[in-house]
Amino acid sequence: MKAIQDTLFVLGGKWKLPVLLSIYSGNKRFNDIAGSIPGITNRVLSKELKHLEENLLISRTIIDDYPVRIEYAITDYCLTTHKVAPPMEEWGKNI
């Protein structure tokens, strides 16, 4: 049961999956991610990005340019969630 709780802690909530899907579909910068998710605030997005990075689902790269750019990317570890998503989707369809 603890493993299920851990999974829900990492992937659960209103915004985590939309943020991951946005990055997965090619949005790498903060404003691009924010613009692709209707209703998310900058504060919430910042919090979710930090949480996803702490849980190794995304990486954050600082590009030393002028101005400094920060880009986000999906990690290989995040791609392992493809094993979890289809059963969750199937279960959701049967509710």
PDB file of N, CA and C in Angstrom:
ATOM      1  N   MET A   1       0.814  -1.194   0.000  1.00  0.00           N
ATOM      2  CA  MET A   1       0.000   0.000   0.000  1.00  0.00           C
ATOM      3  C   MET A   1       0.863   1.267   0.000  1.00  0.00           C
ATOM      4  N   LYS A   2       2.010   1.232   0.653  1.00  0.00           N
ATOM      5  CA  LYS A   2       2.895   2.398   0.697  1.00  0.00           C
ATOM      6  C   LYS A   2       3.370   2.781  -0.703  1.00  0.00           C
ATOM      7  N   ALA A   3       3.634   1.787  -1.545  1.00  0.00           N
ATOM      8  CA  ALA A   3       4.096   2.080  -2.908  1.00  0.00           C
ATOM      9  C   ALA A   3       3.044   2.854  -3.696  1.00  0.00           C
ATOM     10  N   ILE A   4       1.783   2.515  -3.501  1.00  0.00           N
ATOM     11  CA  ILE A   4       0.698   3.236  -4.177  1.00  0.00           C
ATOM     12  C   ILE A   4       0.633   4.674  -3.667  1.00  0.00           C
ATOM     13  N   GLN A   5       0.765   4.848  -2.361  1.00  0.00           N
ATOM     14  CA  GLN A   5       0.757   6.191  -1.791  1.00  0.00           C
ATOM     15  C   GLN A   5       1.930   7.015  -2.316  1.00  0.00           C
ATOM     16  N   ASP A   6       3.095   6.395  -2.427  1.00  0.00           N
ATOM     17  CA  ASP A   6       4.269   7.095  -2.958  1.00  0.00           C
ATOM     18  C   ASP A   6       4.042   7.524  -4.403  1.00  0.00           C
ATOM     19  N   THR A   7       3.449   6.633  -5.204  1.00  0.00           N
ATOM     20  CA  THR A   7       3.168   6.945  -6.605  1.00  0.00           C
ATOM     21  C   THR A   7       2.204   8.126  -6.705  1.00  0.00           C
ATOM     22  N   LEU A   8       1.154   8.087  -5.909  1.00  0.00           N
ATOM     23  CA  LEU A   8       0.182   9.179  -5.936  1.00  0.00           C
ATOM     24  C   LEU A   8       0.786  10.482  -5.434  1.00  0.00           C
ATOM     25  N   PHE A   9       1.716  10.407  -4.484  1.00  0.00           N
ATOM     26  CA  PHE A   9       2.378  11.610  -3.989  1.00  0.00           C
ATOM     27  C   PHE A   9       3.197  12.257  -5.103  1.00  0.00           C
ATOM     28  N   VAL A  10       3.884  11.435  -5.887  1.00  0.00           N
ATOM     29  CA  VAL A  10       4.758  11.949  -6.937  1.00  0.00           C
ATOM     30  C   VAL A  10       3.963  12.405  -8.159  1.00  0.00           C
ATOM     31  N   LEU A  11       2.950  11.653  -8.549  1.00  0.00           N
ATOM     32  CA  LEU A  11       2.223  11.940  -9.791  1.00  0.00           C
ATOM     33  C   LEU A  11       0.850  12.567  -9.585  1.00  0.00           C
ATOM     34  N   GLY A  12       0.348  12.543  -8.357  1.00  0.00           N
ATOM     35  CA  GLY A  12      -1.010  13.000  -8.103  1.00  0.00           C
ATOM     36  C   GLY A  12      -1.137  14.511  -8.062  1.00  0.00           C
ATOM     37  N   GLY A  13      -2.355  14.951  -7.962  1.00  0.00           N
ATOM     38  CA  GLY A  13      -2.633  16.381  -7.898  1.00  0.00           C
ATOM     39  C   GLY A  13      -3.153  16.896  -9.223  1.00  0.00           C
ATOM     40  N   LYS A  14      -3.595  18.118  -9.187  1.00  0.00           N
ATOM     41  CA  LYS A  14      -4.241  18.725 -10.347  1.00  0.00           C
ATOM     42  C   LYS A  14      -3.262  19.075 -11.462  1.00  0.00           C
ATOM     43  N   TRP A  15      -2.024  19.428 -11.122  1.00  0.00           N
ATOM     44  CA  TRP A  15      -1.144  20.033 -12.109  1.00  0.00           C
ATOM     45  C   TRP A  15       0.037  19.197 -12.566  1.00  0.00           C
ATOM     46  N   LYS A  16       0.429  18.186 -11.830  1.00  0.00           N
ATOM     47  CA  LYS A  16       1.663  17.466 -12.174  1.00  0.00           C
ATOM     48  C   LYS A  16       1.605  16.816 -13.554  1.00  0.00           C
ATOM     49  N   LEU A  17       0.549  16.098 -13.854  1.00  0.00           N
ATOM     50  CA  LEU A  17       0.460  15.444 -15.166  1.00  0.00           C
ATOM     51  C   LEU A  17       0.376  16.456 -16.305  1.00  0.00           C
ATOM     52  N   PRO A  18      -0.430  17.524 -16.187  1.00  0.00           N
ATOM     53  CA  PRO A  18      -0.404  18.521 -17.264  1.00  0.00           C
ATOM     54  C   PRO A  18       0.980  19.137 -17.479  1.00  0.00           C
ATOM     55  N   VAL A  19       1.728  19.371 -16.405  1.00  0.00           N
ATOM     56  CA  VAL A  19       3.083  19.925 -16.542  1.00  0.00           C
ATOM     57  C   VAL A  19       3.981  18.925 -17.258  1.00  0.00           C
ATOM     58  N   LEU A  20       3.929  17.663 -16.832  1.00  0.00           N
ATOM     59  CA  LEU A  20       4.738  16.633 -17.493  1.00  0.00           C
ATOM     60  C   LEU A  20       4.371  16.497 -18.969  1.00  0.00           C
ATOM     61  N   LEU A  21       3.090  16.500 -19.270  1.00  0.00           N
ATOM     62  CA  LEU A  21       2.652  16.372 -20.661  1.00  0.00           C
ATOM     63  C   LEU A  21       3.098  17.573 -21.493  1.00  0.00           C
ATOM     64  N   SER A  22       3.078  18.749 -20.907  1.00  0.00           N
ATOM     65  CA  SER A  22       3.536  19.945 -21.615  1.00  0.00           C
ATOM     66  C   SER A  22       5.021  19.834 -21.963  1.00  0.00           C
ATOM     67  N   ILE A  23       5.819  19.432 -20.991  1.00  0.00           N
ATOM     68  CA  ILE A  23       7.260  19.286 -21.245  1.00  0.00           C
ATOM     69  C   ILE A  23       7.494  18.166 -22.246  1.00  0.00           C
ATOM     70  N   TYR A  24       6.775  17.076 -22.096  1.00  0.00           N
ATOM     71  CA  TYR A  24       6.918  15.937 -23.007  1.00  0.00           C
ATOM     72  C   TYR A  24       6.602  16.332 -24.448  1.00  0.00           C
ATOM     73  N   SER A  25       5.643  17.255 -24.614  1.00  0.00           N
ATOM     74  CA  SER A  25       5.271  17.652 -25.969  1.00  0.00           C
ATOM     75  C   SER A  25       6.145  18.768 -26.529  1.00  0.00           C
ATOM     76  N   GLY A  26       7.219  19.126 -25.819  1.00  0.00           N
ATOM     77  CA  GLY A  26       8.199  20.023 -26.407  1.00  0.00           C
ATOM     78  C   GLY A  26       8.358  21.386 -25.765  1.00  0.00           C
ATOM     79  N   ASN A  27       7.531  21.714 -24.795  1.00  0.00           N
ATOM     80  CA  ASN A  27       7.669  23.001 -24.110  1.00  0.00           C
ATOM     81  C   ASN A  27       8.794  22.879 -23.082  1.00  0.00           C
ATOM     82  N   LYS A  28       9.863  23.641 -23.293  1.00  0.00           N
ATOM     83  CA  LYS A  28      11.041  23.503 -22.437  1.00  0.00           C
ATOM     84  C   LYS A  28      11.230  24.660 -21.470  1.00  0.00           C
ATOM     85  N   ARG A  29      10.668  25.803 -21.783  1.00  0.00           N
ATOM     86  CA  ARG A  29      10.890  26.982 -20.953  1.00  0.00           C
ATOM     87  C   ARG A  29       9.651  27.296 -20.130  1.00  0.00           C
ATOM     88  N   PHE A  30       9.880  27.966 -19.009  1.00  0.00           N
ATOM     89  CA  PHE A  30       8.821  28.241 -18.046  1.00  0.00           C
ATOM     90  C   PHE A  30       7.597  28.877 -18.699  1.00  0.00           C
ATOM     91  N   ASN A  31       7.800  29.949 -19.456  1.00  0.00           N
ATOM     92  CA  ASN A  31       6.663  30.652 -20.060  1.00  0.00           C
ATOM     93  C   ASN A  31       5.931  29.796 -21.088  1.00  0.00           C
ATOM     94  N   ASP A  32       6.656  28.936 -21.795  1.00  0.00           N
ATOM     95  CA  ASP A  32       6.012  28.041 -22.755  1.00  0.00           C
ATOM     96  C   ASP A  32       5.140  27.013 -22.037  1.00  0.00           C
ATOM     97  N   ILE A  33       5.670  26.494 -20.930  1.00  0.00           N
ATOM     98  CA  ILE A  33       4.902  25.522 -20.142  1.00  0.00           C
ATOM     99  C   ILE A  33       3.669  26.199 -19.561  1.00  0.00           C
ATOM    100  N   ALA A  34       3.858  27.374 -18.967  1.00  0.00           N
ATOM    101  CA  ALA A  34       2.740  28.113 -18.370  1.00  0.00           C
ATOM    102  C   ALA A  34       1.665  28.418 -19.408  1.00  0.00           C
ATOM    103  N   GLY A  35       2.087  28.823 -20.599  1.00  0.00           N
ATOM    104  CA  GLY A  35       1.129  29.175 -21.647  1.00  0.00           C
ATOM    105  C   GLY A  35       0.362  27.988 -22.204  1.00  0.00           C
ATOM    106  N   SER A  36       0.895  26.803 -22.013  1.00  0.00           N
ATOM    107  CA  SER A  36       0.231  25.616 -22.559  1.00  0.00           C
ATOM    108  C   SER A  36      -0.750  24.973 -21.571  1.00  0.00           C
ATOM    109  N   ILE A  37      -0.795  25.497 -20.347  1.00  0.00           N
ATOM    110  CA  ILE A  37      -1.675  24.923 -19.314  1.00  0.00           C
ATOM    111  C   ILE A  37      -2.634  26.006 -18.825  1.00  0.00           C
ATOM    112  N   PRO A  38      -3.850  26.022 -19.338  1.00  0.00           N
ATOM    113  CA  PRO A  38      -4.819  27.041 -18.921  1.00  0.00           C
ATOM    114  C   PRO A  38      -5.103  26.967 -17.420  1.00  0.00           C
ATOM    115  N   GLY A  39      -5.076  28.135 -16.782  1.00  0.00           N
ATOM    116  CA  GLY A  39      -5.463  28.218 -15.379  1.00  0.00           C
ATOM    117  C   GLY A  39      -4.339  28.049 -14.369  1.00  0.00           C
ATOM    118  N   ILE A  40      -3.166  27.633 -14.791  1.00  0.00           N
ATOM    119  CA  ILE A  40      -2.077  27.459 -13.829  1.00  0.00           C
ATOM    120  C   ILE A  40      -1.422  28.812 -13.565  1.00  0.00           C
ATOM    121  N   THR A  41      -1.113  29.075 -12.310  1.00  0.00           N
ATOM    122  CA  THR A  41      -0.431  30.319 -11.958  1.00  0.00           C
ATOM    123  C   THR A  41       1.077  30.094 -11.979  1.00  0.00           C
ATOM    124  N   ASN A  42       1.827  31.166 -12.086  1.00  0.00           N
ATOM    125  CA  ASN A  42       3.291  31.055 -12.081  1.00  0.00           C
ATOM    126  C   ASN A  42       3.791  30.447 -10.773  1.00  0.00           C
ATOM    127  N   ARG A  43       3.159  30.818  -9.678  1.00  0.00           N
ATOM    128  CA  ARG A  43       3.565  30.298  -8.366  1.00  0.00           C
ATOM    129  C   ARG A  43       3.365  28.790  -8.296  1.00  0.00           C
ATOM    130  N   VAL A  44       2.211  28.334  -8.740  1.00  0.00           N
ATOM    131  CA  VAL A  44       1.927  26.896  -8.716  1.00  0.00           C
ATOM    132  C   VAL A  44       2.845  26.155  -9.680  1.00  0.00           C
ATOM    133  N   LEU A  45       3.052  26.707 -10.869  1.00  0.00           N
ATOM    134  CA  LEU A  45       3.941  26.059 -11.829  1.00  0.00           C
ATOM    135  C   LEU A  45       5.351  25.940 -11.262  1.00  0.00           C
ATOM    136  N   SER A  46       5.834  26.987 -10.650  1.00  0.00           N
ATOM    137  CA  SER A  46       7.161  26.957 -10.052  1.00  0.00           C
ATOM    138  C   SER A  46       7.259  25.864  -8.991  1.00  0.00           C
ATOM    139  N   LYS A  47       6.243  25.764  -8.157  1.00  0.00           N
ATOM    140  CA  LYS A  47       6.205  24.735  -7.107  1.00  0.00           C
ATOM    141  C   LYS A  47       6.178  23.330  -7.711  1.00  0.00           C
ATOM    142  N   GLU A  48       5.369  23.133  -8.739  1.00  0.00           N
ATOM    143  CA  GLU A  48       5.257  21.812  -9.361  1.00  0.00           C
ATOM    144  C   GLU A  48       6.557  21.421 -10.066  1.00  0.00           C
ATOM    145  N   LEU A  49       7.195  22.369 -10.749  1.00  0.00           N
ATOM    146  CA  LEU A  49       8.463  22.075 -11.410  1.00  0.00           C
ATOM    147  C   LEU A  49       9.516  21.661 -10.385  1.00  0.00           C
ATOM    148  N   LYS A  50       9.557  22.361  -9.262  1.00  0.00           N
ATOM    149  CA  LYS A  50      10.509  22.013  -8.203  1.00  0.00           C
ATOM    150  C   LYS A  50      10.238  20.612  -7.675  1.00  0.00           C
ATOM    151  N   HIS A  51       8.973  20.296  -7.443  1.00  0.00           N
ATOM    152  CA  HIS A  51       8.594  18.975  -6.927  1.00  0.00           C
ATOM    153  C   HIS A  51       8.953  17.875  -7.928  1.00  0.00           C
ATOM    154  N   LEU A  52       8.666  18.106  -9.199  1.00  0.00           N
ATOM    155  CA  LEU A  52       8.979  17.115 -10.222  1.00  0.00           C
ATOM    156  C   LEU A  52      10.481  16.923 -10.371  1.00  0.00           C
ATOM    157  N   GLU A  53      11.236  18.001 -10.220  1.00  0.00           N
ATOM    158  CA  GLU A  53      12.694  17.894 -10.289  1.00  0.00           C
ATOM    159  C   GLU A  53      13.232  17.136  -9.076  1.00  0.00           C
ATOM    160  N   GLU A  54      12.707  17.418  -7.896  1.00  0.00           N
ATOM    161  CA  GLU A  54      13.131  16.717  -6.673  1.00  0.00           C
ATOM    162  C   GLU A  54      12.873  15.217  -6.766  1.00  0.00           C
ATOM    163  N   ASN A  55      11.818  14.845  -7.488  1.00  0.00           N
ATOM    164  CA  ASN A  55      11.467  13.434  -7.639  1.00  0.00           C
ATOM    165  C   ASN A  55      12.039  12.818  -8.911  1.00  0.00           C
ATOM    166  N   LEU A  56      12.976  13.547  -9.539  1.00  0.00           N
ATOM    167  CA  LEU A  56      13.763  13.064 -10.682  1.00  0.00           C
ATOM    168  C   LEU A  56      12.944  12.777 -11.936  1.00  0.00           C
ATOM    169  N   LEU A  57      11.771  13.406 -12.058  1.00  0.00           N
ATOM    170  CA  LEU A  57      10.949  13.206 -13.246  1.00  0.00           C
ATOM    171  C   LEU A  57      11.302  14.194 -14.353  1.00  0.00           C
ATOM    172  N   ILE A  58      11.871  15.323 -13.970  1.00  0.00           N
ATOM    173  CA  ILE A  58      12.335  16.296 -14.960  1.00  0.00           C
ATOM    174  C   ILE A  58      13.736  16.754 -14.568  1.00  0.00           C
ATOM    175  N   SER A  59      14.447  17.259 -15.561  1.00  0.00           N
ATOM    176  CA  SER A  59      15.752  17.865 -15.292  1.00  0.00           C
ATOM    177  C   SER A  59      15.666  19.348 -15.609  1.00  0.00           C
ATOM    178  N   ARG A  60      16.479  20.107 -14.933  1.00  0.00           N
ATOM    179  CA  ARG A  60      16.521  21.561 -15.102  1.00  0.00           C
ATOM    180  C   ARG A  60      17.928  21.927 -15.538  1.00  0.00           C
ATOM    181  N   THR A  61      18.029  22.597 -16.683  1.00  0.00           N
ATOM    182  CA  THR A  61      19.331  22.981 -17.215  1.00  0.00           C
ATOM    183  C   THR A  61      19.405  24.497 -17.304  1.00  0.00           C
ATOM    184  N   ILE A  62      20.475  25.042 -16.748  1.00  0.00           N
ATOM    185  CA  ILE A  62      20.710  26.483 -16.829  1.00  0.00           C
ATOM    186  C   ILE A  62      21.664  26.721 -17.989  1.00  0.00           C
ATOM    187  N   ILE A  63      21.217  27.519 -18.949  1.00  0.00           N
ATOM    188  CA  ILE A  63      22.020  27.824 -20.124  1.00  0.00           C
ATOM    189  C   ILE A  63      22.616  29.207 -19.934  1.00  0.00           C
ATOM    190  N   ASP A  64      23.940  29.236 -19.810  1.00  0.00           N
ATOM    191  CA  ASP A  64      24.657  30.479 -19.533  1.00  0.00           C
ATOM    192  C   ASP A  64      24.742  31.314 -20.801  1.00  0.00           C
ATOM    193  N   ASP A  65      23.760  32.129 -20.973  1.00  0.00           N
ATOM    194  CA  ASP A  65      23.634  32.990 -22.138  1.00  0.00           C
ATOM    195  C   ASP A  65      23.188  34.346 -21.609  1.00  0.00           C
ATOM    196  N   TYR A  66      22.984  35.286 -22.472  1.00  0.00           N
ATOM    197  CA  TYR A  66      22.424  36.547 -22.020  1.00  0.00           C
ATOM    198  C   TYR A  66      21.113  36.793 -22.732  1.00  0.00           C
ATOM    199  N   PRO A  67      20.013  36.812 -22.038  1.00  0.00           N
ATOM    200  CA  PRO A  67      19.878  36.516 -20.616  1.00  0.00           C
ATOM    201  C   PRO A  67      20.001  35.013 -20.347  1.00  0.00           C
ATOM    202  N   VAL A  68      20.242  34.668 -19.098  1.00  0.00           N
ATOM    203  CA  VAL A  68      20.348  33.266 -18.702  1.00  0.00           C
ATOM    204  C   VAL A  68      19.011  32.587 -18.998  1.00  0.00           C
ATOM    205  N   ARG A  69      19.080  31.388 -19.580  1.00  0.00           N
ATOM    206  CA  ARG A  69      17.863  30.623 -19.883  1.00  0.00           C
ATOM    207  C   ARG A  69      17.841  29.367 -19.023  1.00  0.00           C
ATOM    208  N   ILE A  70      16.637  28.958 -18.664  1.00  0.00           N
ATOM    209  CA  ILE A  70      16.443  27.704 -17.935  1.00  0.00           C
ATOM    210  C   ILE A  70      15.510  26.854 -18.770  1.00  0.00           C
ATOM    211  N   GLU A  71      15.924  25.617 -19.005  1.00  0.00           N
ATOM    212  CA  GLU A  71      15.102  24.688 -19.778  1.00  0.00           C
ATOM    213  C   GLU A  71      14.842  23.428 -18.966  1.00  0.00           C
ATOM    214  N   TYR A  72      13.661  22.882 -19.159  1.00  0.00           N
ATOM    215  CA  TYR A  72      13.245  21.666 -18.475  1.00  0.00           C
ATOM    216  C   TYR A  72      13.114  20.546 -19.493  1.00  0.00           C
ATOM    217  N   ALA A  73      13.392  19.322 -19.050  1.00  0.00           N
ATOM    218  CA  ALA A  73      13.278  18.158 -19.927  1.00  0.00           C
ATOM    219  C   ALA A  73      12.817  16.953 -19.113  1.00  0.00           C
ATOM    220  N   ILE A  74      12.150  16.059 -19.795  1.00  0.00           N
ATOM    221  CA  ILE A  74      11.720  14.795 -19.196  1.00  0.00           C
ATOM    222  C   ILE A  74      12.953  13.913 -19.004  1.00  0.00           C
ATOM    223  N   THR A  75      13.032  13.231 -17.876  1.00  0.00           N
ATOM    224  CA  THR A  75      14.153  12.314 -17.629  1.00  0.00           C
ATOM    225  C   THR A  75      13.799  10.900 -18.098  1.00  0.00           C
ATOM    226  N   ASP A  76      14.810  10.083 -18.214  1.00  0.00           N
ATOM    227  CA  ASP A  76      14.576   8.668 -18.545  1.00  0.00           C
ATOM    228  C   ASP A  76      13.720   8.003 -17.475  1.00  0.00           C
ATOM    229  N   TYR A  77      13.938   8.392 -16.233  1.00  0.00           N
ATOM    230  CA  TYR A  77      13.139   7.834 -15.134  1.00  0.00           C
ATOM    231  C   TYR A  77      11.659   8.161 -15.324  1.00  0.00           C
ATOM    232  N   CYS A  78      11.365   9.366 -15.772  1.00  0.00           N
ATOM    233  CA  CYS A  78       9.970   9.754 -16.006  1.00  0.00           C
ATOM    234  C   CYS A  78       9.330   8.891 -17.083  1.00  0.00           C
ATOM    235  N   LEU A  79      10.120   8.526 -18.073  1.00  0.00           N
ATOM    236  CA  LEU A  79       9.576   7.703 -19.164  1.00  0.00           C
ATOM    237  C   LEU A  79       9.135   6.332 -18.687  1.00  0.00           C
ATOM    238  N   THR A  80       9.608   5.900 -17.512  1.00  0.00           N
ATOM    239  CA  THR A  80       9.159   4.610 -16.981  1.00  0.00           C
ATOM    240  C   THR A  80       7.698   4.652 -16.536  1.00  0.00           C
ATOM    241  N   THR A  81       7.117   5.840 -16.446  1.00  0.00           N
ATOM    242  CA  THR A  81       5.707   5.939 -16.055  1.00  0.00           C
ATOM    243  C   THR A  81       4.776   5.418 -17.142  1.00  0.00           C
ATOM    244  N   HIS A  82       5.308   5.183 -18.343  1.00  0.00           N
ATOM    245  CA  HIS A  82       4.449   4.648 -19.409  1.00  0.00           C
ATOM    246  C   HIS A  82       3.903   3.271 -19.035  1.00  0.00           C
ATOM    247  N   LYS A  83       4.524   2.614 -18.068  1.00  0.00           N
ATOM    248  CA  LYS A  83       4.023   1.321 -17.601  1.00  0.00           C
ATOM    249  C   LYS A  83       2.815   1.492 -16.681  1.00  0.00           C
ATOM    250  N   VAL A  84       2.713   2.654 -16.048  1.00  0.00           N
ATOM    251  CA  VAL A  84       1.656   2.900 -15.079  1.00  0.00           C
ATOM    252  C   VAL A  84       0.443   3.570 -15.717  1.00  0.00           C
ATOM    253  N   ALA A  85       0.692   4.430 -16.691  1.00  0.00           N
ATOM    254  CA  ALA A  85      -0.381   5.250 -17.252  1.00  0.00           C
ATOM    255  C   ALA A  85      -1.503   4.454 -17.927  1.00  0.00           C
ATOM    256  N   PRO A  86      -1.218   3.470 -18.798  1.00  0.00           N
ATOM    257  CA  PRO A  86      -2.321   2.763 -19.455  1.00  0.00           C
ATOM    258  C   PRO A  86      -3.293   2.066 -18.494  1.00  0.00           C
ATOM    259  N   PRO A  87      -2.810   1.355 -17.460  1.00  0.00           N
ATOM    260  CA  PRO A  87      -3.786   0.771 -16.526  1.00  0.00           C
ATOM    261  C   PRO A  87      -4.605   1.827 -15.790  1.00  0.00           C
ATOM    262  N   MET A  88      -3.983   2.965 -15.468  1.00  0.00           N
ATOM    263  CA  MET A  88      -4.729   4.031 -14.802  1.00  0.00           C
ATOM    264  C   MET A  88      -5.791   4.601 -15.736  1.00  0.00           C
ATOM    265  N   GLU A  89      -5.427   4.780 -17.003  1.00  0.00           N
ATOM    266  CA  GLU A  89      -6.385   5.287 -17.983  1.00  0.00           C
ATOM    267  C   GLU A  89      -7.552   4.316 -18.149  1.00  0.00           C
ATOM    268  N   GLU A  90      -7.249   3.051 -18.259  1.00  0.00           N
ATOM    269  CA  GLU A  90      -8.293   2.022 -18.414  1.00  0.00           C
ATOM    270  C   GLU A  90      -9.215   2.012 -17.203  1.00  0.00           C
ATOM    271  N   TRP A  91      -8.637   2.092 -16.029  1.00  0.00           N
ATOM    272  CA  TRP A  91      -9.437   2.102 -14.818  1.00  0.00           C
ATOM    273  C   TRP A  91     -10.341   3.332 -14.790  1.00  0.00           C
ATOM    274  N   GLY A  92      -9.794   4.493 -15.198  1.00  0.00           N
ATOM    275  CA  GLY A  92     -10.578   5.715 -15.226  1.00  0.00           C
ATOM    276  C   GLY A  92     -11.747   5.657 -16.176  1.00  0.00           C
ATOM    277  N   LYS A  93     -11.574   4.957 -17.287  1.00  0.00           N
ATOM    278  CA  LYS A  93     -12.671   4.823 -18.259  1.00  0.00           C
ATOM    279  C   LYS A  93     -13.813   3.984 -17.722  1.00  0.00           C
ATOM    280  N   ASN A  94     -13.518   3.109 -16.780  1.00  0.00           N
ATOM    281  CA  ASN A  94     -14.528   2.200 -16.243  1.00  0.00           C
ATOM    282  C   ASN A  94     -15.247   2.743 -15.017  1.00  0.00           C
ATOM    283  N   ILE A  95     -14.942   3.976 -14.640  1.00  0.00           N
ATOM    284  CA  ILE A  95     -15.618   4.549 -13.445  1.00  0.00           C
ATOM    285  C   ILE A  95     -17.032   4.909 -13.811  1.00  0.00           C
TER     286      ILE A  95
END
